[in-house]
Amino acid sequence: MKLITSFICLTKDLGVHNNLFGGVLLSHLDQAGGVLAAEACQTPRMVTVKMDEVEFLRPVKAGNVIKIYGEVAEYGNTSITLLLEARKESAYTTKQKVVCSTRIKFVRIDEDGDPVPISERAKMSEAPSTTRAKLEEIQKWREGLK
């Protein structure tokens, strides 16, 4: 997974038990996923369509540094599914602990908001290695048909 973004938990983002409010973390995950999806699909026209279950594993306190990591899980015709993970990092040891993780799906849209295909070029550049290898095989096979 690659680092997408980092933020510091602020007191204004705390809930009644002095932990980071879950909705704030979900917002950060969505934004980070949007950045990764836009980079991977080589277009800013990506919208969130689905976020899988998120289990909050550890509390986040004011002053904690949160780092969000992500990677491409799979491509569809018009969609991309990402794996995202939020980790809190100790300022003293730099050790990281997973706070939560999820899968999130984005769809590429046109100017009218309708889904449009993600280019094969984009899929090749950001595909997971196993997917990239399969795509290369398919392209070679297609070239052999010409």
C-alpha atoms as a PDB file:
ATOM      1  CA  MET A   1       0.000   0.000   0.000  1.00  0.00           C
ATOM      2  CA  LYS A   2       1.147   3.506  -0.674  1.00  0.00           C
ATOM      3  CA  LEU A   3       0.721   6.558   1.533  1.00  0.00           C
ATOM      4  CA  ILE A   4      -2.019   8.833   0.199  1.00  0.00           C
ATOM      5  CA  THR A   5      -2.394  11.479   2.919  1.00  0.00           C
ATOM      6  CA  SER A   6      -1.857  12.317   6.581  1.00  0.00           C
ATOM      7  CA  PHE A   7      -3.700  14.452   9.103  1.00  0.00           C
ATOM      8  CA  ILE A   8      -3.582  15.326  12.794  1.00  0.00           C
ATOM      9  CA  CYS A   9      -6.590  14.608  14.978  1.00  0.00           C
ATOM     10  CA  LEU A  10      -7.835  17.963  16.293  1.00  0.00           C
ATOM     11  CA  THR A  11      -9.947  18.573  19.405  1.00  0.00           C
ATOM     12  CA  LYS A  12     -12.765  19.956  17.210  1.00  0.00           C
ATOM     13  CA  ASP A  13     -13.021  16.462  15.627  1.00  0.00           C
ATOM     14  CA  LEU A  14     -13.583  14.591  18.903  1.00  0.00           C
ATOM     15  CA  GLY A  15     -16.822  12.936  19.949  1.00  0.00           C
ATOM     16  CA  VAL A  16     -18.339  12.685  23.435  1.00  0.00           C
ATOM     17  CA  HIS A  17     -15.741  10.148  24.627  1.00  0.00           C
ATOM     18  CA  ASN A  18     -12.793  12.302  23.482  1.00  0.00           C
ATOM     19  CA  ASN A  19     -12.044   9.995  20.546  1.00  0.00           C
ATOM     20  CA  LEU A  20     -11.993  10.989  16.888  1.00  0.00           C
ATOM     21  CA  PHE A  21     -15.573  11.070  15.625  1.00  0.00           C
ATOM     22  CA  GLY A  22     -16.048   8.166  13.200  1.00  0.00           C
ATOM     23  CA  GLY A  23     -17.706  10.344  10.559  1.00  0.00           C
ATOM     24  CA  VAL A  24     -14.623  12.565  10.384  1.00  0.00           C
ATOM     25  CA  LEU A  25     -12.420   9.550   9.714  1.00  0.00           C
ATOM     26  CA  LEU A  26     -14.857   8.278   7.062  1.00  0.00           C
ATOM     27  CA  SER A  27     -14.664  11.669   5.356  1.00  0.00           C
ATOM     28  CA  HIS A  28     -10.856  11.498   5.300  1.00  0.00           C
ATOM     29  CA  LEU A  29     -11.015   7.949   3.876  1.00  0.00           C
ATOM     30  CA  ASP A  30     -13.420   9.073   1.146  1.00  0.00           C
ATOM     31  CA  GLN A  31     -11.249  12.039   0.182  1.00  0.00           C
ATOM     32  CA  ALA A  32      -8.057   9.966   0.168  1.00  0.00           C
ATOM     33  CA  GLY A  33      -9.771   7.289  -1.908  1.00  0.00           C
ATOM     34  CA  GLY A  34     -10.924   9.951  -4.354  1.00  0.00           C
ATOM     35  CA  VAL A  35      -7.355  11.137  -4.788  1.00  0.00           C
ATOM     36  CA  LEU A  36      -6.056   7.616  -5.406  1.00  0.00           C
ATOM     37  CA  ALA A  37      -8.941   6.792  -7.774  1.00  0.00           C
ATOM     38  CA  ALA A  38      -8.351   9.991  -9.778  1.00  0.00           C
ATOM     39  CA  GLU A  39      -4.625   9.241 -10.040  1.00  0.00           C
ATOM     40  CA  ALA A  40      -5.142   5.604 -10.976  1.00  0.00           C
ATOM     41  CA  CYS A  41      -7.836   6.367 -13.569  1.00  0.00           C
ATOM     42  CA  GLN A  42      -6.072   9.490 -14.872  1.00  0.00           C
ATOM     43  CA  THR A  43      -9.164  11.685 -14.496  1.00  0.00           C
ATOM     44  CA  PRO A  44     -10.641  13.894 -11.765  1.00  0.00           C
ATOM     45  CA  ARG A  45     -14.163  12.745 -12.669  1.00  0.00           C
ATOM     46  CA  MET A  46     -14.546   9.994 -10.078  1.00  0.00           C
ATOM     47  CA  VAL A  47     -17.441   9.620  -7.635  1.00  0.00           C
ATOM     48  CA  THR A  48     -17.889   7.369  -4.614  1.00  0.00           C
ATOM     49  CA  VAL A  49     -20.555   4.710  -5.081  1.00  0.00           C
ATOM     50  CA  LYS A  50     -19.880   2.257  -2.265  1.00  0.00           C
ATOM     51  CA  MET A  51     -17.900   1.867   0.913  1.00  0.00           C
ATOM     52  CA  ASP A  52     -17.790  -1.543   2.549  1.00  0.00           C
ATOM     53  CA  GLU A  53     -18.115  -2.131   6.262  1.00  0.00           C
ATOM     54  CA  VAL A  54     -15.692  -0.155   8.410  1.00  0.00           C
ATOM     55  CA  GLU A  55     -14.739  -1.472  11.829  1.00  0.00           C
ATOM     56  CA  PHE A  56     -13.048   1.027  14.122  1.00  0.00           C
ATOM     57  CA  LEU A  57     -10.326  -1.027  15.807  1.00  0.00           C
ATOM     58  CA  ARG A  58      -8.590   1.573  18.003  1.00  0.00           C
ATOM     59  CA  PRO A  59      -9.455   4.984  19.399  1.00  0.00           C
ATOM     60  CA  VAL A  60      -7.781   8.065  17.957  1.00  0.00           C
ATOM     61  CA  LYS A  61      -7.031  10.882  20.383  1.00  0.00           C
ATOM     62  CA  ALA A  62      -6.341  14.583  19.850  1.00  0.00           C
ATOM     63  CA  GLY A  63      -2.813  15.053  18.581  1.00  0.00           C
ATOM     64  CA  ASN A  64      -2.518  11.584  17.008  1.00  0.00           C
ATOM     65  CA  VAL A  65      -1.126  11.556  13.474  1.00  0.00           C
ATOM     66  CA  ILE A  66      -3.260   9.485  11.122  1.00  0.00           C
ATOM     67  CA  LYS A  67      -1.874   8.190   7.843  1.00  0.00           C
ATOM     68  CA  ILE A  68      -4.108   6.792   5.137  1.00  0.00           C
ATOM     69  CA  TYR A  69      -2.709   4.157   2.796  1.00  0.00           C
ATOM     70  CA  GLY A  70      -4.321   2.620  -0.253  1.00  0.00           C
ATOM     71  CA  GLU A  71      -3.961   0.355  -3.249  1.00  0.00           C
ATOM     72  CA  VAL A  72      -5.974  -0.708  -6.264  1.00  0.00           C
ATOM     73  CA  ALA A  73      -7.875  -3.917  -5.585  1.00  0.00           C
ATOM     74  CA  GLU A  74      -9.580  -4.247  -8.972  1.00  0.00           C
ATOM     75  CA  TYR A  75     -10.929  -2.474 -12.001  1.00  0.00           C
ATOM     76  CA  GLY A  76     -14.352  -2.800 -13.561  1.00  0.00           C
ATOM     77  CA  ASN A  77     -15.406  -1.315 -16.878  1.00  0.00           C
ATOM     78  CA  THR A  78     -16.348   2.063 -15.341  1.00  0.00           C
ATOM     79  CA  SER A  79     -15.273   1.476 -11.743  1.00  0.00           C
ATOM     80  CA  ILE A  80     -12.252   1.041  -9.539  1.00  0.00           C
ATOM     81  CA  THR A  81     -12.221  -0.652  -6.136  1.00  0.00           C
ATOM     82  CA  LEU A  82      -9.576   0.377  -3.637  1.00  0.00           C
ATOM     83  CA  LEU A  83      -8.330  -1.051  -0.373  1.00  0.00           C
ATOM     84  CA  LEU A  84      -7.819   1.711   2.186  1.00  0.00           C
ATOM     85  CA  GLU A  85      -6.258   1.579   5.623  1.00  0.00           C
ATOM     86  CA  ALA A  86      -5.994   4.301   8.278  1.00  0.00           C
ATOM     87  CA  ARG A  87      -3.121   3.961  10.721  1.00  0.00           C
ATOM     88  CA  LYS A  88      -2.134   6.032  13.717  1.00  0.00           C
ATOM     89  CA  GLU A  89       1.567   6.627  14.070  1.00  0.00           C
ATOM     90  CA  SER A  90       3.429   7.098  17.331  1.00  0.00           C
ATOM     91  CA  ALA A  91       5.420  10.334  17.404  1.00  0.00           C
ATOM     92  CA  TYR A  92       7.887   8.617  19.750  1.00  0.00           C
ATOM     93  CA  THR A  93       8.566   5.310  18.004  1.00  0.00           C
ATOM     94  CA  THR A  94       7.080   5.841  14.491  1.00  0.00           C
ATOM     95  CA  LYS A  95       5.286   2.504  14.963  1.00  0.00           C
ATOM     96  CA  GLN A  96       1.937   2.358  13.244  1.00  0.00           C
ATOM     97  CA  LYS A  97      -1.262   0.676  14.367  1.00  0.00           C
ATOM     98  CA  VAL A  98      -4.238   0.072  12.090  1.00  0.00           C
ATOM     99  CA  VAL A  99      -7.246   2.127  13.147  1.00  0.00           C
ATOM    100  CA  CYS A 100      -9.600   0.872  10.422  1.00  0.00           C
ATOM    101  CA  SER A 101      -9.661  -0.507   6.894  1.00  0.00           C
ATOM    102  CA  THR A 102     -12.238  -0.778   4.152  1.00  0.00           C
ATOM    103  CA  ARG A 103     -12.890  -1.312   0.469  1.00  0.00           C
ATOM    104  CA  ILE A 104     -14.285   1.649  -1.440  1.00  0.00           C
ATOM    105  CA  LYS A 105     -15.590   1.784  -5.004  1.00  0.00           C
ATOM    106  CA  PHE A 106     -15.502   4.788  -7.316  1.00  0.00           C
ATOM    107  CA  VAL A 107     -17.045   5.212 -10.765  1.00  0.00           C
ATOM    108  CA  ARG A 108     -15.713   7.378 -13.580  1.00  0.00           C
ATOM    109  CA  ILE A 109     -18.348   9.801 -14.899  1.00  0.00           C
ATOM    110  CA  ASP A 110     -18.741  12.225 -17.784  1.00  0.00           C
ATOM    111  CA  GLU A 111     -19.848  15.859 -17.558  1.00  0.00           C
ATOM    112  CA  ASP A 112     -23.504  14.750 -17.283  1.00  0.00           C
ATOM    113  CA  GLY A 113     -22.765  12.388 -14.390  1.00  0.00           C
ATOM    114  CA  ASP A 114     -23.161   9.229 -16.463  1.00  0.00           C
ATOM    115  CA  PRO A 115     -20.671   6.337 -16.083  1.00  0.00           C
ATOM    116  CA  VAL A 116     -17.967   6.092 -18.741  1.00  0.00           C
ATOM    117  CA  PRO A 117     -15.280   3.437 -19.251  1.00  0.00           C
ATOM    118  CA  ILE A 118     -11.879   3.722 -17.611  1.00  0.00           C
ATOM    119  CA  SER A 119      -9.163   3.690 -20.267  1.00  0.00           C
ATOM    120  CA  GLU A 120      -7.096   0.552 -20.729  1.00  0.00           C
ATOM    121  CA  ARG A 121      -3.968   2.729 -20.524  1.00  0.00           C
ATOM    122  CA  ALA A 122      -4.941   3.850 -17.010  1.00  0.00           C
ATOM    123  CA  LYS A 123      -5.692   0.281 -15.982  1.00  0.00           C
ATOM    124  CA  MET A 124      -2.274  -0.854 -17.175  1.00  0.00           C
ATOM    125  CA  SER A 125      -0.387   1.861 -15.314  1.00  0.00           C
ATOM    126  CA  GLU A 126      -1.968   1.335 -11.881  1.00  0.00           C
ATOM    127  CA  ALA A 127      -3.183  -2.254 -11.952  1.00  0.00           C
ATOM    128  CA  PRO A 128      -2.022  -4.644  -9.262  1.00  0.00           C
ATOM    129  CA  SER A 129       0.824  -6.778 -10.620  1.00  0.00           C
ATOM    130  CA  THR A 130      -1.337  -9.879 -11.130  1.00  0.00           C
ATOM    131  CA  THR A 131      -4.015  -7.850 -12.909  1.00  0.00           C
ATOM    132  CA  ARG A 132      -1.365  -6.039 -14.962  1.00  0.00           C
ATOM    133  CA  ALA A 133       0.086  -9.368 -16.102  1.00  0.00           C
ATOM    134  CA  LYS A 134      -3.364 -10.633 -17.121  1.00  0.00           C
ATOM    135  CA  LEU A 135      -4.108  -7.411 -18.995  1.00  0.00           C
ATOM    136  CA  GLU A 136      -0.802  -7.692 -20.851  1.00  0.00           C
ATOM    137  CA  GLU A 137      -1.675 -11.275 -21.837  1.00  0.00           C
ATOM    138  CA  ILE A 138      -5.064 -10.148 -23.127  1.00  0.00           C
ATOM    139  CA  GLN A 139      -3.486  -7.335 -25.139  1.00  0.00           C
ATOM    140  CA  LYS A 140      -0.974  -9.739 -26.720  1.00  0.00           C
ATOM    141  CA  TRP A 141      -3.813 -12.127 -27.550  1.00  0.00           C
ATOM    142  CA  ARG A 142      -5.818  -9.285 -29.127  1.00  0.00           C
ATOM    143  CA  GLU A 143      -2.801  -8.236 -31.187  1.00  0.00           C
ATOM    144  CA  GLY A 144      -2.478 -11.807 -32.411  1.00  0.00           C
ATOM    145  CA  LEU A 145      -6.047 -11.636 -33.732  1.00  0.00           C
ATOM    146  CA  LYS A 146      -5.265  -8.668 -35.986  1.00  0.00           C
END
